[in-house]
């Protein structure tokens, strides 16, 4: 497949207009305008809210190969000073979804004029970053008419050079679970602590005790991460606060470990309630962010193909505690996700994240060749 510079320009145009999950209206219009410019005879297009599915009909179409791209941005104030910097205040494509979309448009453009034996389905999915658009799309039945038999996706990786791809069989990314805790006691005067019930103290004990889950309840060979990122309590230095709230995240590599860590969080909550005579409201929400577990057959086929490609630098990848809702698809459909090197000096979600755009034509060419061979039953 030839390298297509127009898709770099598309990436820049998409980079201008990042939008938060389920609010990607301008992005949706842009994508639809590009899709409608393509030859339509082999395309079936379906939309729902800001999501788009495009089926490229194969000559026989007994099987369906899926490709998913995410389309949402992040609530980040961009600091790249690029000429195509975000025009949406407080919004940025800091996770590379603009790159993902331009690659998907490049792949779709190619297959719109190069019919394969089996069907190809391109999923332009909203809300990867905030509410698991994968779960919403799958559970709503939106995908049912075009359900893939196997599914693939990529994610940009800033610390890999352009020209590099990498993945692994099994768990690539962790599953995530959001933690939201509210502590309710009794407000009071700082001089009369015996007449109040201090929730800053209770919350502090919860923070300390929750750290022991990973160090004392989790098998060190399996691993888990528990991070509390926010704490809000109190209104003044001379008032004992009867209220405190915490939010955070649990990252685990297997469903079993997720169940264990959640169980221990609940047990600690019960203990704090008894110890401090307070009421604690706990919400643990996995929200569709399952571990990204690459299926063996499809992943080994991908690895074998890419390692034999002299124009691809394939590298072995270790499991990361990154969360990704693509795991929700892989829980139900065999497939694989892989990293694409973009050689950015700044990492994912950073306000200066700047992927090298040469990765776009590289991915279109080599991922396109892989998908073409899959859909033509040559792999």
Protein backbone atom coordinates (compact mmCIF):
# COMPACT_ATOMS: atom_id res chain seq x y z
CA UNK A 1 0.00 0.00 0.00
CA UNK A 2 1.41 3.46 -0.85
CA UNK A 3 2.15 6.03 1.80
CA UNK A 4 -0.64 8.61 1.76
CA UNK A 5 0.31 12.11 2.89
CA UNK A 6 -3.35 13.24 2.87
CA UNK A 7 -3.87 11.21 6.04
CA UNK A 8 -1.25 13.25 7.85
CA UNK A 9 -3.27 16.33 6.93
CA UNK A 10 -6.41 14.60 8.21
CA UNK A 11 -4.63 13.94 11.49
CA UNK A 12 -3.84 17.65 11.82
CA UNK A 13 -7.42 18.63 11.06
CA UNK A 14 -8.66 16.16 13.68
CA UNK A 15 -6.06 17.38 16.15
CA UNK A 16 -7.67 20.83 15.97
CA UNK A 17 -11.05 19.62 17.22
CA UNK A 18 -10.67 17.23 20.22
CA UNK A 19 -13.87 16.49 22.11
CA UNK A 20 -14.72 14.63 25.31
CA UNK A 21 -16.32 11.18 25.12
CA UNK A 22 -19.94 11.12 23.89
CA UNK A 23 -19.58 14.78 22.87
CA UNK A 24 -17.58 14.15 19.67
CA UNK A 25 -20.12 15.88 17.41
CA UNK A 26 -17.68 17.88 15.30
CA UNK A 27 -15.38 14.87 15.05
CA UNK A 28 -18.33 12.75 13.93
CA UNK A 29 -19.21 15.24 11.20
CA UNK A 30 -15.61 15.37 10.02
CA UNK A 31 -15.33 11.58 9.85
CA UNK A 32 -18.64 11.24 8.03
CA UNK A 33 -17.59 13.84 5.46
CA UNK A 34 -14.43 11.85 4.68
CA UNK A 35 -16.26 8.53 4.58
CA UNK A 36 -18.90 9.91 2.19
CA UNK A 37 -16.14 10.99 -0.21
CA UNK A 38 -15.20 7.34 -0.73
CA UNK A 39 -16.72 5.04 -3.37
CA UNK A 40 -19.92 3.80 -1.76
CA UNK A 41 -20.79 0.67 -3.74
CA UNK A 42 -19.21 -1.76 -1.25
CA UNK A 43 -19.85 0.26 1.91
CA UNK A 44 -22.60 -0.08 4.49
CA UNK A 45 -22.61 2.80 6.98
CA UNK A 46 -24.36 2.82 10.33
CA UNK A 47 -24.33 5.58 12.96
CA UNK A 48 -25.46 5.90 16.56
CA UNK A 49 -24.91 9.08 18.54
CA UNK A 50 -21.27 9.89 17.70
CA UNK A 51 -20.29 6.32 16.81
CA UNK A 52 -19.82 5.15 13.22
CA UNK A 53 -19.57 1.64 11.82
CA UNK A 54 -18.56 1.05 8.21
CA UNK A 55 -18.74 -2.41 6.66
CA UNK A 56 -16.70 -2.97 3.53
CA UNK A 57 -18.47 -5.85 1.80
CA UNK A 58 -16.29 -8.71 0.64
CA UNK A 59 -16.84 -10.69 -2.54
CA UNK A 60 -18.06 -13.65 -0.47
CA UNK A 61 -18.30 -12.21 3.03
CA UNK A 62 -18.61 -15.37 5.08
CA UNK A 63 -16.36 -13.90 7.78
CA UNK A 64 -15.89 -10.42 9.22
CA UNK A 65 -12.57 -8.85 10.27
CA UNK A 66 -12.98 -5.89 12.61
CA UNK A 67 -10.82 -2.80 13.09
CA UNK A 68 -11.56 -0.40 15.93
CA UNK A 69 -10.40 3.18 16.42
CA UNK A 70 -11.24 5.49 19.31
CA UNK A 71 -12.27 9.07 18.51
CA UNK A 72 -12.42 11.07 21.77
CA UNK A 73 -9.99 13.54 23.29
CA UNK A 74 -8.96 14.45 26.82
CA UNK A 75 -9.63 17.37 29.21
CA UNK A 76 -6.04 18.61 28.83
CA UNK A 77 -4.82 22.14 28.07
CA UNK A 78 -2.50 21.71 25.09
CA UNK A 79 1.02 23.16 25.30
CA UNK A 80 2.56 22.01 22.00
CA UNK A 81 2.43 25.40 20.23
CA UNK A 82 1.85 23.54 16.97
CA UNK A 83 0.20 25.47 14.11
CA UNK A 84 -2.64 22.96 14.34
CA UNK A 85 -2.95 23.11 18.14
CA UNK A 86 -6.39 22.41 19.59
CA UNK A 87 -8.94 25.16 19.04
CA UNK A 88 -11.16 23.70 21.78
CA UNK A 89 -10.15 25.25 25.08
CA UNK A 90 -9.16 22.70 27.68
CA UNK A 91 -9.34 19.81 25.23
CA UNK A 92 -6.51 17.92 23.53
CA UNK A 93 -5.79 14.75 21.61
CA UNK A 94 -3.12 13.89 24.17
CA UNK A 95 -3.59 10.13 23.83
CA UNK A 96 -3.10 9.90 20.07
CA UNK A 97 -6.67 9.21 19.03
CA UNK A 98 -6.24 11.69 16.18
CA UNK A 99 -3.46 9.44 14.88
CA UNK A 100 -5.67 6.38 15.37
CA UNK A 101 -8.50 7.97 13.37
CA UNK A 102 -6.28 9.05 10.48
CA UNK A 103 -4.89 5.52 10.22
CA UNK A 104 -8.40 4.08 10.23
CA UNK A 105 -9.43 6.51 7.48
CA UNK A 106 -6.37 5.47 5.49
CA UNK A 107 -7.20 1.79 5.85
CA UNK A 108 -10.85 2.36 4.99
CA UNK A 109 -9.90 4.44 1.94
CA UNK A 110 -7.74 1.61 0.62
CA UNK A 111 -10.32 -1.11 1.13
CA UNK A 112 -13.10 0.97 -0.40
CA UNK A 113 -11.39 0.37 -3.77
CA UNK A 114 -9.68 -2.98 -3.04
CA UNK A 115 -12.37 -5.53 -2.33
CA UNK A 116 -11.38 -8.56 -0.27
CA UNK A 117 -12.99 -11.98 0.00
CA UNK A 118 -14.33 -11.49 3.52
CA UNK A 119 -16.00 -8.43 5.01
CA UNK A 120 -14.11 -5.75 6.90
CA UNK A 121 -15.76 -3.65 9.59
CA UNK A 122 -14.36 -0.32 10.80
CA UNK A 123 -15.60 0.85 14.19
CA UNK A 124 -15.14 4.56 14.99
CA UNK A 125 -15.83 4.37 18.72
CA UNK A 126 -16.54 7.27 21.10
CA UNK A 127 -15.71 7.59 24.78
CA UNK A 128 -12.70 5.34 25.24
CA UNK A 129 -11.29 7.69 27.85
CA UNK A 130 -14.23 8.27 30.16
CA UNK A 131 -17.20 5.87 30.07
CA UNK A 132 -16.09 2.80 28.06
CA UNK A 133 -17.60 3.41 24.66
CA UNK A 134 -16.72 -0.21 23.86
CA UNK A 135 -19.16 -1.46 26.48
CA UNK A 136 -21.84 1.00 25.37
CA UNK A 137 -21.54 0.01 21.72
CA UNK A 138 -21.43 -3.72 22.37
CA UNK A 139 -24.18 -3.87 25.00
CA UNK A 140 -26.51 -1.59 23.02
CA UNK A 141 -26.60 -4.05 20.11
CA UNK A 142 -25.28 -1.38 17.74
CA UNK A 143 -22.63 -3.82 16.55
CA UNK A 144 -24.91 -6.83 16.14
CA UNK A 145 -25.54 -6.55 12.38
CA UNK A 146 -21.82 -6.14 11.67
CA UNK A 147 -20.37 -8.31 14.47
CA UNK A 148 -16.72 -9.18 13.78
CA UNK A 149 -15.45 -12.74 13.99
CA UNK A 150 -12.08 -11.33 15.05
CA UNK A 151 -11.04 -7.79 15.92
CA UNK A 152 -7.87 -5.67 15.93
CA UNK A 153 -6.73 -2.26 17.16
CA UNK A 154 -3.57 -0.30 17.83
CA UNK A 155 -2.44 2.34 20.28
CA UNK A 156 0.37 4.85 19.85
CA UNK A 157 3.39 4.37 22.12
CA UNK A 158 5.53 7.49 22.61
CA UNK A 159 8.69 5.68 23.77
CA UNK A 160 8.99 3.40 20.73
CA UNK A 161 10.58 4.65 17.49
CA UNK A 162 8.59 5.08 14.30
CA UNK A 163 8.61 1.85 12.32
CA UNK A 164 8.12 -0.28 15.43
CA UNK A 165 5.17 -2.49 16.35
CA UNK A 166 4.84 -4.63 19.45
CA UNK A 167 2.38 -6.83 21.30
CA UNK A 168 2.16 -10.10 23.19
CA UNK A 169 -0.12 -13.08 23.72
CA UNK A 170 -2.25 -12.75 26.84
CA UNK A 171 -2.61 -9.68 29.02
CA UNK A 172 -1.30 -6.53 27.32
CA UNK A 173 -3.07 -3.92 29.48
CA UNK A 174 -4.59 -4.01 32.94
CA UNK A 175 -8.25 -3.86 33.78
CA UNK A 176 -9.34 -0.83 35.77
CA UNK A 177 -11.88 -0.17 38.48
CA UNK A 178 -12.80 3.31 39.68
CA UNK A 179 -13.00 3.95 43.43
CA UNK A 180 -15.36 6.59 44.82
CA UNK A 181 -15.70 6.84 48.62
CA UNK A 182 -17.72 9.23 50.80
CA UNK A 183 -17.26 9.42 54.58
CA UNK A 184 -20.05 10.89 56.69
CA UNK A 185 -19.68 11.77 60.37
CA UNK A 186 -20.52 14.90 62.38
CA UNK A 187 -19.21 18.46 61.90
CA UNK A 188 -18.03 20.33 64.95
CA UNK A 189 -15.92 23.05 66.54
CA UNK A 190 -12.17 22.36 66.56
CA UNK A 191 -12.15 22.98 70.34
CA UNK A 192 -14.76 20.26 71.00
CA UNK A 193 -13.64 17.12 69.13
CA UNK A 194 -15.60 14.91 71.54
CA UNK A 195 -18.84 16.40 70.20
CA UNK A 196 -18.04 15.69 66.54
CA UNK A 197 -16.93 12.82 64.37
CA UNK A 198 -13.87 13.72 62.31
CA UNK A 199 -13.98 12.26 58.80
CA UNK A 200 -10.53 13.54 57.87
CA UNK A 201 -9.15 11.14 60.46
CA UNK A 202 -11.35 8.30 59.20
CA UNK A 203 -10.41 8.96 55.57
CA UNK A 204 -6.73 9.12 56.51
CA UNK A 205 -6.93 5.70 58.12
CA UNK A 206 -8.66 4.34 55.02
CA UNK A 207 -5.85 5.74 52.86
CA UNK A 208 -3.22 4.05 55.03
CA UNK A 209 -4.99 0.71 55.24
CA UNK A 210 -5.81 0.46 51.54
CA UNK A 211 -2.08 0.55 50.79
CA UNK A 212 -1.68 -2.80 52.55
CA UNK A 213 -3.84 -4.58 49.97
CA UNK A 214 -1.08 -4.68 47.37
CA UNK A 215 1.73 -5.27 49.88
CA UNK A 216 -0.01 -7.96 51.94
CA UNK A 217 -3.03 -9.40 50.07
CA UNK A 218 -1.76 -9.57 46.48
CA UNK A 219 0.59 -12.26 45.22
CA UNK A 220 3.74 -10.26 44.36
CA UNK A 221 4.19 -12.36 41.22
CA UNK A 222 0.80 -11.19 39.91
CA UNK A 223 0.75 -7.52 40.88
CA UNK A 224 -1.86 -4.80 41.24
CA UNK A 225 -1.95 -1.04 41.63
CA UNK A 226 -4.23 0.98 43.89
CA UNK A 227 -4.00 4.75 43.59
CA UNK A 228 -6.09 7.37 45.35
CA UNK A 229 -5.87 10.55 43.31
CA UNK A 230 -8.21 13.01 45.02
CA UNK A 231 -9.26 13.88 48.55
CA UNK A 232 -11.75 16.58 49.50
CA UNK A 233 -12.68 17.50 53.07
CA UNK A 234 -13.22 20.46 55.33
CA UNK A 235 -14.06 24.13 54.92
CA UNK A 236 -11.90 25.88 57.53
CA UNK A 237 -8.98 25.21 59.85
CA UNK A 238 -11.05 25.55 63.02
CA UNK A 239 -13.93 23.29 61.93
CA UNK A 240 -13.86 19.52 62.32
CA UNK A 241 -15.14 18.08 59.07
CA UNK A 242 -17.95 15.57 59.22
CA UNK A 243 -17.48 14.82 55.52
CA UNK A 244 -14.65 13.59 53.31
CA UNK A 245 -14.47 12.07 49.84
CA UNK A 246 -11.81 10.15 47.93
CA UNK A 247 -11.50 8.96 44.36
CA UNK A 248 -8.98 6.65 42.81
CA UNK A 249 -8.36 3.60 40.65
CA UNK A 250 -7.52 -0.08 40.91
CA UNK A 251 -5.41 -1.67 38.16
CA UNK A 252 -5.20 -5.47 37.88
CA UNK A 253 -4.09 -7.96 35.26
CA UNK A 254 -6.80 -10.61 35.71
CA UNK A 255 -10.50 -10.63 36.62
CA UNK A 256 -9.66 -12.77 39.66
CA UNK A 257 -7.22 -10.18 41.00
CA UNK A 258 -9.79 -7.44 40.41
CA UNK A 259 -12.30 -9.40 42.50
CA UNK A 260 -9.74 -9.88 45.29
CA UNK A 261 -8.74 -6.21 45.51
CA UNK A 262 -12.36 -5.05 45.46
CA UNK A 263 -13.23 -7.54 48.20
CA UNK A 264 -10.42 -6.20 50.39
CA UNK A 265 -11.47 -2.58 49.81
CA UNK A 266 -14.99 -3.46 50.95
CA UNK A 267 -13.67 -5.21 54.06
CA UNK A 268 -11.52 -2.23 54.99
CA UNK A 269 -14.54 0.07 54.58
CA UNK A 270 -16.53 -2.05 57.03
CA UNK A 271 -13.68 -1.93 59.53
CA UNK A 272 -13.36 1.86 59.31
CA UNK A 273 -17.13 2.25 59.78
CA UNK A 274 -16.96 0.23 63.01
CA UNK A 275 -13.78 1.87 64.29
CA UNK A 276 -14.93 5.46 63.68
CA UNK A 277 -18.68 5.05 64.12
CA UNK A 278 -19.37 6.61 60.74
CA UNK A 279 -21.16 5.83 57.50
CA UNK A 280 -19.12 5.19 54.37
CA UNK A 281 -20.59 5.07 50.88
CA UNK A 282 -18.37 3.06 48.52
CA UNK A 283 -18.74 2.80 44.76
CA UNK A 284 -16.48 0.42 42.82
CA UNK A 285 -17.09 0.70 39.10
CA UNK A 286 -15.22 -1.45 36.58
CA UNK A 287 -17.22 0.27 33.87
CA UNK A 288 -16.22 -1.95 30.96
CA UNK A 289 -12.47 -1.48 31.33
CA UNK A 290 -11.56 -5.16 31.34
CA UNK A 291 -7.96 -6.34 31.01
CA UNK A 292 -6.83 -6.32 27.37
CA UNK A 293 -6.17 -10.04 26.92
CA UNK A 294 -4.95 -10.84 23.40
CA UNK A 295 -6.15 -14.20 22.09
CA UNK A 296 -3.41 -16.68 21.26
CA UNK A 297 -4.18 -17.70 17.68
CA UNK A 298 -4.84 -14.23 16.28
CA UNK A 299 -1.92 -12.66 18.14
CA UNK A 300 0.61 -15.31 17.09
CA UNK A 301 -0.53 -14.88 13.48
CA UNK A 302 -0.01 -11.12 13.75
CA UNK A 303 3.41 -11.50 15.41
CA UNK A 304 4.55 -14.05 12.83
CA UNK A 305 3.51 -11.80 9.95
CA UNK A 306 5.14 -8.67 11.35
CA UNK A 307 8.39 -10.39 12.37
CA UNK A 308 8.80 -11.64 8.79
CA UNK A 309 8.24 -8.15 7.38
CA UNK A 310 11.68 -6.61 6.84
CA UNK A 311 10.21 -3.10 6.84
CA UNK A 312 8.78 -3.51 10.35
CA UNK A 313 10.79 -3.44 13.53
CA UNK A 314 8.83 -5.86 15.69
CA UNK A 315 9.65 -5.76 19.40
CA UNK A 316 8.58 -7.84 22.37
CA UNK A 317 6.32 -5.92 24.75
CA UNK A 318 5.75 -6.31 28.47
CA UNK A 319 2.37 -6.03 30.16
CA UNK A 320 1.43 -2.46 31.17
CA UNK A 321 -0.91 -1.18 33.86
CA UNK A 322 -2.52 1.09 31.27
CA UNK A 323 -6.31 0.84 31.02
CA UNK A 324 -8.11 0.44 27.67
CA UNK A 325 -11.74 -0.41 26.94
CA UNK A 326 -10.73 -2.54 23.94
CA UNK A 327 -10.54 -5.31 26.52
CA UNK A 328 -14.35 -5.36 26.54
CA UNK A 329 -14.38 -6.48 22.90
CA UNK A 330 -11.62 -9.02 23.50
CA UNK A 331 -13.64 -10.53 26.34
CA UNK A 332 -16.18 -11.54 23.69
CA UNK A 333 -14.36 -11.57 20.34
CA UNK A 334 -10.92 -13.06 19.60
CA UNK A 335 -8.33 -10.59 18.41
CA UNK A 336 -5.36 -8.50 19.38
CA UNK A 337 -4.23 -5.00 20.26
CA UNK A 338 -0.72 -3.77 19.60
CA UNK A 339 1.50 -0.76 20.17
CA UNK A 340 2.59 1.58 17.35
CA UNK A 341 5.81 3.51 17.90
CA UNK A 342 5.45 7.29 17.47
CA UNK A 343 8.68 8.51 19.14
CA UNK A 344 7.28 11.43 21.15
CA UNK A 345 9.51 13.19 23.71
CA UNK A 346 6.44 13.43 25.97
CA UNK A 347 4.20 10.61 27.10
CA UNK A 348 0.51 9.82 26.79
CA UNK A 349 -1.86 12.36 28.38
CA UNK A 350 0.95 14.95 28.54
CA UNK A 351 0.06 18.49 27.31
CA UNK A 352 3.12 18.40 25.03
CA UNK A 353 2.61 14.91 23.59
CA UNK A 354 3.74 15.13 19.94
CA UNK A 355 3.73 11.86 17.97
CA UNK A 356 5.84 11.74 14.83
CA UNK A 357 3.47 11.75 11.89
CA UNK A 358 5.59 9.39 9.80
CA UNK A 359 3.99 6.63 11.87
CA UNK A 360 0.68 7.24 10.07
CA UNK A 361 1.64 6.13 6.52
CA UNK A 362 3.79 3.38 8.04
CA UNK A 363 0.79 1.94 9.90
CA UNK A 364 -1.57 2.35 6.95
CA UNK A 365 0.82 0.42 4.73
CA UNK A 366 1.80 -2.46 7.00
CA UNK A 367 -1.37 -2.89 9.04
CA UNK A 368 -3.30 -2.61 5.78
CA UNK A 369 -1.24 -5.39 4.23
CA UNK A 370 -1.91 -7.59 7.25
CA UNK A 371 -5.67 -6.95 7.19
CA UNK A 372 -5.76 -7.50 3.43
CA UNK A 373 -4.15 -10.91 3.74
CA UNK A 374 -6.45 -11.82 6.64
CA UNK A 375 -9.55 -10.81 4.71
CA UNK A 376 -8.32 -12.66 1.61
CA UNK A 377 -7.75 -15.82 3.66
CA UNK A 378 -4.00 -15.82 3.12
CA UNK A 379 -3.19 -15.91 6.84
